[in-house]
Amino acid sequence: MSELAAGLGMALWFGILTSISPCPLASNIAAVSYIGGQNEGARRVLLAGVLYTAGRALTYTVIGAILVSSTRYISLVANSLQTWMNVLLGPFLILVGLVLLEVIRFGSFGIQGGIGEKVQNRIRGIGIWGAGVLGIVFALSFCPVSAALFFGSLFSIAFQFNSRFAMPALFGVGTALPVIAFAFLLAFASEGINRVFQGVTWFEGWARKITAVIFIGAGVYYVIRYIFEWI
């Protein structure tokens, strides 16, 4: 039970770390801008934040459920993963750590920049429900850091615990937590939003580096333990 609780906590943390990384943070800022445009009272602003969170959580839950279920139902793939997971996990954790440290960089992909703004403008006409649509759209706009954390780190623990829904959903909630916080600020204390943005940026830098070091350290251990068999 404690291992499952730790896994659920890690899923939420990976989501939070994703949300405050530079690329996804830009999408969340766009979402805050959209939600801030719902000038219909504090409750409507908060509801827009909740709908955005639900959209992101739903998207990651569906993708995670498909990935975990497919590996569980295809016995050959599942058995191979069970056999080689510890061997592959070490190099992969090191790779994810290097991506988080930006030692290794890849080009961005998904819905980014100007395209995201166009999508935002188009769905603005939907009204408050557009916040949920925006959450789905931005959840699909993977960049290197978010892809590494979702398809790598989250998938590995979700597969380990056969968590098709809970862990991907927690990851999705974590990716939208800053939007919930900013929606609250927009509704009740908009003057503090700039300070919070600055604090999030500072925290993201340290949190990403610490997580990267932990990943690399764990990866080195797995390489020594399961590839070289020195321990």
C-alpha atoms as a PDB file:
ATOM      1  CA  MET A   1       0.000   0.000   0.000  1.00  0.00           C
ATOM      2  CA  SER A   2       2.834   2.372   0.854  1.00  0.00           C
ATOM      3  CA  GLU A   3       4.468   1.627  -2.515  1.00  0.00           C
ATOM      4  CA  LEU A   4       1.198   2.388  -4.304  1.00  0.00           C
ATOM      5  CA  ALA A   5       0.813   5.639  -2.361  1.00  0.00           C
ATOM      6  CA  ALA A   6       4.370   6.581  -3.308  1.00  0.00           C
ATOM      7  CA  GLY A   7       3.611   5.795  -6.944  1.00  0.00           C
ATOM      8  CA  LEU A   8       0.479   7.952  -6.871  1.00  0.00           C
ATOM      9  CA  GLY A   9       2.492  10.762  -5.282  1.00  0.00           C
ATOM     10  CA  MET A  10       5.155  10.449  -7.979  1.00  0.00           C
ATOM     11  CA  ALA A  11       2.493  10.612 -10.699  1.00  0.00           C
ATOM     12  CA  LEU A  12       1.150  13.849  -9.225  1.00  0.00           C
ATOM     13  CA  TRP A  13       4.693  15.256  -8.862  1.00  0.00           C
ATOM     14  CA  PHE A  14       5.570  14.443 -12.482  1.00  0.00           C
ATOM     15  CA  GLY A  15       2.444  16.326 -13.509  1.00  0.00           C
ATOM     16  CA  ILE A  16       3.332  19.343 -11.383  1.00  0.00           C
ATOM     17  CA  LEU A  17       6.897  19.345 -12.695  1.00  0.00           C
ATOM     18  CA  THR A  18       5.540  19.162 -16.233  1.00  0.00           C
ATOM     19  CA  SER A  19       3.172  22.064 -15.627  1.00  0.00           C
ATOM     20  CA  ILE A  20       5.898  24.464 -14.495  1.00  0.00           C
ATOM     21  CA  SER A  21       8.471  23.517 -17.131  1.00  0.00           C
ATOM     22  CA  PRO A  22       9.015  26.357 -19.629  1.00  0.00           C
ATOM     23  CA  CYS A  23       7.120  24.883 -22.583  1.00  0.00           C
ATOM     24  CA  PRO A  24       3.961  23.657 -20.761  1.00  0.00           C
ATOM     25  CA  LEU A  25       4.048  26.755 -18.559  1.00  0.00           C
ATOM     26  CA  ALA A  26       3.536  28.835 -21.698  1.00  0.00           C
ATOM     27  CA  SER A  27       0.370  26.838 -22.441  1.00  0.00           C
ATOM     28  CA  ASN A  28      -0.819  27.305 -18.867  1.00  0.00           C
ATOM     29  CA  ILE A  29      -0.227  31.055 -19.133  1.00  0.00           C
ATOM     30  CA  ALA A  30      -2.371  31.038 -22.282  1.00  0.00           C
ATOM     31  CA  ALA A  31      -5.025  29.118 -20.353  1.00  0.00           C
ATOM     32  CA  VAL A  32      -4.897  31.684 -17.550  1.00  0.00           C
ATOM     33  CA  SER A  33      -5.340  34.406 -20.161  1.00  0.00           C
ATOM     34  CA  TYR A  34      -8.381  32.578 -21.534  1.00  0.00           C
ATOM     35  CA  ILE A  35      -9.858  32.027 -18.088  1.00  0.00           C
ATOM     36  CA  GLY A  36      -9.184  35.638 -17.182  1.00  0.00           C
ATOM     37  CA  GLY A  37     -11.299  36.595 -20.179  1.00  0.00           C
ATOM     38  CA  GLN A  38     -14.321  34.976 -18.570  1.00  0.00           C
ATOM     39  CA  ASN A  39     -15.324  38.192 -16.850  1.00  0.00           C
ATOM     40  CA  GLU A  40     -18.489  36.834 -15.324  1.00  0.00           C
ATOM     41  CA  GLY A  41     -17.664  36.647 -11.637  1.00  0.00           C
ATOM     42  CA  ALA A  42     -15.391  34.667  -9.352  1.00  0.00           C
ATOM     43  CA  ARG A  43     -17.418  31.456  -9.550  1.00  0.00           C
ATOM     44  CA  ARG A  44     -17.283  31.395 -13.329  1.00  0.00           C
ATOM     45  CA  VAL A  45     -13.517  31.957 -13.287  1.00  0.00           C
ATOM     46  CA  LEU A  46     -13.016  29.109 -10.827  1.00  0.00           C
ATOM     47  CA  LEU A  47     -15.359  26.871 -12.849  1.00  0.00           C
ATOM     48  CA  ALA A  48     -13.305  27.603 -15.963  1.00  0.00           C
ATOM     49  CA  GLY A  49     -10.169  26.532 -14.058  1.00  0.00           C
ATOM     50  CA  VAL A  50     -11.848  23.299 -12.967  1.00  0.00           C
ATOM     51  CA  LEU A  51     -13.002  22.555 -16.518  1.00  0.00           C
ATOM     52  CA  TYR A  52      -9.487  23.165 -17.851  1.00  0.00           C
ATOM     53  CA  THR A  53      -8.125  20.739 -15.249  1.00  0.00           C
ATOM     54  CA  ALA A  54     -10.773  18.159 -16.159  1.00  0.00           C
ATOM     55  CA  GLY A  55      -9.861  18.461 -19.837  1.00  0.00           C
ATOM     56  CA  ARG A  56      -6.184  17.833 -19.183  1.00  0.00           C
ATOM     57  CA  ALA A  57      -6.861  14.984 -16.739  1.00  0.00           C
ATOM     58  CA  LEU A  58      -9.261  13.307 -19.183  1.00  0.00           C
ATOM     59  CA  THR A  59      -6.747  13.490 -22.029  1.00  0.00           C
ATOM     60  CA  TYR A  60      -3.862  12.002 -20.059  1.00  0.00           C
ATOM     61  CA  THR A  61      -6.149   9.358 -18.550  1.00  0.00           C
ATOM     62  CA  VAL A  62      -7.290   8.179 -21.983  1.00  0.00           C
ATOM     63  CA  ILE A  63      -3.741   8.101 -23.376  1.00  0.00           C
ATOM     64  CA  GLY A  64      -2.375   6.393 -20.252  1.00  0.00           C
ATOM     65  CA  ALA A  65      -5.180   3.811 -20.202  1.00  0.00           C
ATOM     66  CA  ILE A  66      -4.536   2.933 -23.853  1.00  0.00           C
ATOM     67  CA  LEU A  67      -0.782   2.589 -23.324  1.00  0.00           C
ATOM     68  CA  VAL A  68      -0.971   0.525 -20.120  1.00  0.00           C
ATOM     69  CA  SER A  69      -3.820  -1.661 -21.392  1.00  0.00           C
ATOM     70  CA  SER A  70      -2.098  -2.368 -24.696  1.00  0.00           C
ATOM     71  CA  THR A  71       1.049  -3.601 -22.974  1.00  0.00           C
ATOM     72  CA  ARG A  72      -0.989  -5.684 -20.527  1.00  0.00           C
ATOM     73  CA  TYR A  73      -3.122  -7.390 -23.163  1.00  0.00           C
ATOM     74  CA  ILE A  74      -0.289  -8.094 -25.583  1.00  0.00           C
ATOM     75  CA  SER A  75       1.446 -10.814 -23.619  1.00  0.00           C
ATOM     76  CA  LEU A  76       4.641 -10.848 -25.672  1.00  0.00           C
ATOM     77  CA  VAL A  77       5.199  -7.120 -25.142  1.00  0.00           C
ATOM     78  CA  ALA A  78       4.245  -7.354 -21.478  1.00  0.00           C
ATOM     79  CA  ASN A  79       6.582 -10.266 -20.804  1.00  0.00           C
ATOM     80  CA  SER A  80       9.418  -8.531 -22.640  1.00  0.00           C
ATOM     81  CA  LEU A  81       8.882  -5.367 -20.630  1.00  0.00           C
ATOM     82  CA  GLN A  82       8.816  -7.345 -17.386  1.00  0.00           C
ATOM     83  CA  THR A  83      12.043  -9.089 -18.343  1.00  0.00           C
ATOM     84  CA  TRP A  84      13.946  -6.100 -19.671  1.00  0.00           C
ATOM     85  CA  MET A  85      12.405  -3.256 -17.638  1.00  0.00           C
ATOM     86  CA  ASN A  86      15.188  -3.098 -15.040  1.00  0.00           C
ATOM     87  CA  VAL A  87      17.851  -3.312 -17.757  1.00  0.00           C
ATOM     88  CA  LEU A  88      16.287  -0.570 -19.885  1.00  0.00           C
ATOM     89  CA  LEU A  89      15.209   1.612 -16.980  1.00  0.00           C
ATOM     90  CA  GLY A  90      18.733   2.698 -16.034  1.00  0.00           C
ATOM     91  CA  PRO A  91      19.741   4.212 -19.402  1.00  0.00           C
ATOM     92  CA  PHE A  92      16.260   5.649 -19.816  1.00  0.00           C
ATOM     93  CA  LEU A  93      16.294   7.414 -16.430  1.00  0.00           C
ATOM     94  CA  ILE A  94      19.691   8.887 -17.295  1.00  0.00           C
ATOM     95  CA  LEU A  95      18.305  10.079 -20.647  1.00  0.00           C
ATOM     96  CA  VAL A  96      15.265  11.691 -18.971  1.00  0.00           C
ATOM     97  CA  GLY A  97      17.536  13.356 -16.427  1.00  0.00           C
ATOM     98  CA  LEU A  98      19.725  14.802 -19.185  1.00  0.00           C
ATOM     99  CA  VAL A  99      16.621  16.103 -20.986  1.00  0.00           C
ATOM    100  CA  LEU A 100      15.414  17.753 -17.777  1.00  0.00           C
ATOM    101  CA  LEU A 101      18.838  19.376 -17.347  1.00  0.00           C
ATOM    102  CA  GLU A 102      18.622  20.467 -21.006  1.00  0.00           C
ATOM    103  CA  VAL A 103      21.948  18.764 -21.743  1.00  0.00           C
ATOM    104  CA  ILE A 104      20.053  16.945 -24.494  1.00  0.00           C
ATOM    105  CA  ARG A 105      17.553  19.007 -26.460  1.00  0.00           C
ATOM    106  CA  PHE A 106      15.013  18.075 -29.060  1.00  0.00           C
ATOM    107  CA  GLY A 107      12.856  20.237 -31.276  1.00  0.00           C
ATOM    108  CA  SER A 108       9.402  21.063 -29.967  1.00  0.00           C
ATOM    109  CA  PHE A 109       6.387  19.296 -31.372  1.00  0.00           C
ATOM    110  CA  GLY A 110       2.653  19.345 -30.879  1.00  0.00           C
ATOM    111  CA  ILE A 111       0.535  22.473 -30.657  1.00  0.00           C
ATOM    112  CA  GLN A 112       2.796  25.327 -29.688  1.00  0.00           C
ATOM    113  CA  GLY A 113       3.163  29.057 -29.967  1.00  0.00           C
ATOM    114  CA  GLY A 114       1.022  30.808 -32.530  1.00  0.00           C
ATOM    115  CA  ILE A 115      -1.035  27.719 -33.354  1.00  0.00           C
ATOM    116  CA  GLY A 116      -2.055  27.455 -29.693  1.00  0.00           C
ATOM    117  CA  GLU A 117      -3.158  31.088 -29.729  1.00  0.00           C
ATOM    118  CA  LYS A 118      -5.252  30.524 -32.843  1.00  0.00           C
ATOM    119  CA  VAL A 119      -6.913  27.509 -31.226  1.00  0.00           C
ATOM    120  CA  GLN A 120      -7.546  29.559 -28.102  1.00  0.00           C
ATOM    121  CA  ASN A 121      -9.196  32.332 -30.105  1.00  0.00           C
ATOM    122  CA  ARG A 122     -11.385  29.894 -32.022  1.00  0.00           C
ATOM    123  CA  ILE A 123     -12.714  28.107 -28.975  1.00  0.00           C
ATOM    124  CA  ARG A 124     -13.273  31.329 -27.047  1.00  0.00           C
ATOM    125  CA  GLY A 125     -16.646  31.554 -28.757  1.00  0.00           C
ATOM    126  CA  ILE A 126     -17.712  28.310 -27.044  1.00  0.00           C
ATOM    127  CA  GLY A 127     -17.904  30.155 -23.751  1.00  0.00           C
ATOM    128  CA  ILE A 128     -16.900  28.729 -20.401  1.00  0.00           C
ATOM    129  CA  TRP A 129     -16.924  25.164 -21.756  1.00  0.00           C
ATOM    130  CA  GLY A 130     -14.083  26.221 -24.011  1.00  0.00           C
ATOM    131  CA  ALA A 131     -11.790  25.986 -20.971  1.00  0.00           C
ATOM    132  CA  GLY A 132     -12.283  22.215 -20.988  1.00  0.00           C
ATOM    133  CA  VAL A 133     -11.582  22.037 -24.712  1.00  0.00           C
ATOM    134  CA  LEU A 134      -8.475  24.152 -24.179  1.00  0.00           C
ATOM    135  CA  GLY A 135      -7.297  21.704 -21.516  1.00  0.00           C
ATOM    136  CA  ILE A 136      -7.635  18.814 -23.983  1.00  0.00           C
ATOM    137  CA  VAL A 137      -5.849  20.696 -26.767  1.00  0.00           C
ATOM    138  CA  PHE A 138      -2.941  21.855 -24.603  1.00  0.00           C
ATOM    139  CA  ALA A 139      -2.578  18.395 -23.038  1.00  0.00           C
ATOM    140  CA  LEU A 140      -1.838  17.084 -26.526  1.00  0.00           C
ATOM    141  CA  SER A 141       0.836  19.730 -27.132  1.00  0.00           C
ATOM    142  CA  PHE A 142       3.745  17.597 -25.953  1.00  0.00           C
ATOM    143  CA  CYS A 143       7.220  19.106 -25.833  1.00  0.00           C
ATOM    144  CA  PRO A 144      10.461  17.226 -24.976  1.00  0.00           C
ATOM    145  CA  VAL A 145      10.195  17.662 -21.192  1.00  0.00           C
ATOM    146  CA  SER A 146       6.494  16.794 -20.944  1.00  0.00           C
ATOM    147  CA  ALA A 147       6.930  13.833 -23.334  1.00  0.00           C
ATOM    148  CA  ALA A 148       9.859  12.505 -21.294  1.00  0.00           C
ATOM    149  CA  LEU A 149       7.924  12.797 -18.043  1.00  0.00           C
ATOM    150  CA  PHE A 150       4.681  11.327 -19.394  1.00  0.00           C
ATOM    151  CA  PHE A 151       5.772   8.611 -21.818  1.00  0.00           C
ATOM    152  CA  GLY A 152       8.861   7.776 -19.798  1.00  0.00           C
ATOM    153  CA  SER A 153       8.584   8.353 -16.076  1.00  0.00           C
ATOM    154  CA  LEU A 154       4.806   8.170 -15.634  1.00  0.00           C
ATOM    155  CA  PHE A 155       4.335   5.248 -17.987  1.00  0.00           C
ATOM    156  CA  SER A 156       6.992   3.184 -16.223  1.00  0.00           C
ATOM    157  CA  ILE A 157       5.318   3.466 -12.806  1.00  0.00           C
ATOM    158  CA  ALA A 158       1.784   3.187 -14.247  1.00  0.00           C
ATOM    159  CA  PHE A 159       2.823  -0.047 -15.986  1.00  0.00           C
ATOM    160  CA  GLN A 160       4.472  -1.334 -12.812  1.00  0.00           C
ATOM    161  CA  PHE A 161       1.284  -0.876 -10.769  1.00  0.00           C
ATOM    162  CA  ASN A 162      -1.065  -1.633 -13.699  1.00  0.00           C
ATOM    163  CA  SER A 163      -2.629   1.783 -13.060  1.00  0.00           C
ATOM    164  CA  ARG A 164      -4.585   2.519 -16.205  1.00  0.00           C
ATOM    165  CA  PHE A 165      -6.597   5.418 -14.800  1.00  0.00           C
ATOM    166  CA  ALA A 166      -5.503   6.727 -11.382  1.00  0.00           C
ATOM    167  CA  MET A 167      -1.881   7.636 -12.121  1.00  0.00           C
ATOM    168  CA  PRO A 168      -2.488   9.194 -15.569  1.00  0.00           C
ATOM    169  CA  ALA A 169      -5.404  11.154 -14.087  1.00  0.00           C
ATOM    170  CA  LEU A 170      -3.244  12.414 -11.204  1.00  0.00           C
ATOM    171  CA  PHE A 171      -0.585  13.400 -13.728  1.00  0.00           C
ATOM    172  CA  GLY A 172      -3.212  15.399 -15.613  1.00  0.00           C
ATOM    173  CA  VAL A 173      -4.422  17.104 -12.440  1.00  0.00           C
ATOM    174  CA  GLY A 174      -0.826  17.976 -11.582  1.00  0.00           C
ATOM    175  CA  THR A 175      -0.271  19.584 -14.985  1.00  0.00           C
ATOM    176  CA  ALA A 176      -3.230  21.914 -14.367  1.00  0.00           C
ATOM    177  CA  LEU A 177      -2.642  22.824 -10.714  1.00  0.00           C
ATOM    178  CA  PRO A 178      -0.968  26.159 -11.577  1.00  0.00           C
ATOM    179  CA  VAL A 179      -4.043  27.098 -13.619  1.00  0.00           C
ATOM    180  CA  ILE A 180      -6.272  26.332 -10.631  1.00  0.00           C
ATOM    181  CA  ALA A 181      -4.040  28.506  -8.447  1.00  0.00           C
ATOM    182  CA  PHE A 182      -4.031  31.360 -10.949  1.00  0.00           C
ATOM    183  CA  ALA A 183      -7.788  31.056 -11.467  1.00  0.00           C
ATOM    184  CA  PHE A 184      -8.198  31.514  -7.723  1.00  0.00           C
ATOM    185  CA  LEU A 185      -5.925  34.559  -7.836  1.00  0.00           C
ATOM    186  CA  LEU A 186      -7.848  35.984 -10.787  1.00  0.00           C
ATOM    187  CA  ALA A 187     -11.077  35.501  -8.886  1.00  0.00           C
ATOM    188  CA  PHE A 188     -10.031  36.841  -5.515  1.00  0.00           C
ATOM    189  CA  ALA A 189      -6.525  38.353  -5.523  1.00  0.00           C
ATOM    190  CA  SER A 190      -5.445  39.267  -9.029  1.00  0.00           C
ATOM    191  CA  GLU A 191      -2.778  41.679  -7.778  1.00  0.00           C
ATOM    192  CA  GLY A 192      -0.695  38.752  -6.490  1.00  0.00           C
ATOM    193  CA  ILE A 193      -0.513  36.868  -9.770  1.00  0.00           C
ATOM    194  CA  ASN A 194       2.788  38.401 -10.949  1.00  0.00           C
ATOM    195  CA  ARG A 195       4.534  37.445  -7.713  1.00  0.00           C
ATOM    196  CA  VAL A 196       3.250  33.910  -8.003  1.00  0.00           C
ATOM    197  CA  PHE A 197       4.474  33.615 -11.611  1.00  0.00           C
ATOM    198  CA  GLN A 198       7.935  34.711 -10.501  1.00  0.00           C
ATOM    199  CA  GLY A 199       7.893  32.241  -7.616  1.00  0.00           C
ATOM    200  CA  VAL A 200       6.813  29.387  -9.895  1.00  0.00           C
ATOM    201  CA  THR A 201       9.611  30.152 -12.357  1.00  0.00           C
ATOM    202  CA  TRP A 202      12.211  30.124  -9.571  1.00  0.00           C
ATOM    203  CA  PHE A 203      10.803  26.921  -8.068  1.00  0.00           C
ATOM    204  CA  GLU A 204      10.672  25.172 -11.460  1.00  0.00           C
ATOM    205  CA  GLY A 205      14.369  25.683 -12.070  1.00  0.00           C
ATOM    206  CA  TRP A 206      15.404  24.079  -8.801  1.00  0.00           C
ATOM    207  CA  ALA A 207      12.725  21.363  -8.815  1.00  0.00           C
ATOM    208  CA  ARG A 208      13.609  20.252 -12.346  1.00  0.00           C
ATOM    209  CA  LYS A 209      17.343  20.123 -11.548  1.00  0.00           C
ATOM    210  CA  ILE A 210      16.831  18.189  -8.305  1.00  0.00           C
ATOM    211  CA  THR A 211      14.508  15.711 -10.020  1.00  0.00           C
ATOM    212  CA  ALA A 212      17.005  15.325 -12.871  1.00  0.00           C
ATOM    213  CA  VAL A 213      19.850  14.567 -10.451  1.00  0.00           C
ATOM    214  CA  ILE A 214      17.678  11.964  -8.685  1.00  0.00           C
ATOM    215  CA  PHE A 215      16.780  10.379 -12.031  1.00  0.00           C
ATOM    216  CA  ILE A 216      20.411  10.244 -13.146  1.00  0.00           C
ATOM    217  CA  GLY A 217      21.501   8.826  -9.795  1.00  0.00           C
ATOM    218  CA  ALA A 218      18.800   6.152  -9.938  1.00  0.00           C
ATOM    219  CA  GLY A 219      19.695   5.436 -13.557  1.00  0.00           C
ATOM    220  CA  VAL A 220      23.365   4.953 -12.707  1.00  0.00           C
ATOM    221  CA  TYR A 221      22.358   2.564  -9.913  1.00  0.00           C
ATOM    222  CA  TYR A 222      20.177   0.509 -12.284  1.00  0.00           C
ATOM    223  CA  VAL A 223      22.960   0.394 -14.874  1.00  0.00           C
ATOM    224  CA  ILE A 224      25.481  -0.814 -12.290  1.00  0.00           C
ATOM    225  CA  ARG A 225      23.009  -3.254 -10.715  1.00  0.00           C
ATOM    226  CA  TYR A 226      21.287  -4.818 -13.715  1.00  0.00           C
ATOM    227  CA  ILE A 227      23.616  -4.282 -16.676  1.00  0.00           C
ATOM    228  CA  PHE A 228      27.092  -4.600 -15.181  1.00  0.00           C
ATOM    229  CA  GLU A 229      25.865  -6.638 -12.159  1.00  0.00           C
ATOM    230  CA  TRP A 230      28.467  -5.076  -9.887  1.00  0.00           C
ATOM    231  CA  ILE A 231      26.117  -4.888  -6.891  1.00  0.00           C
END
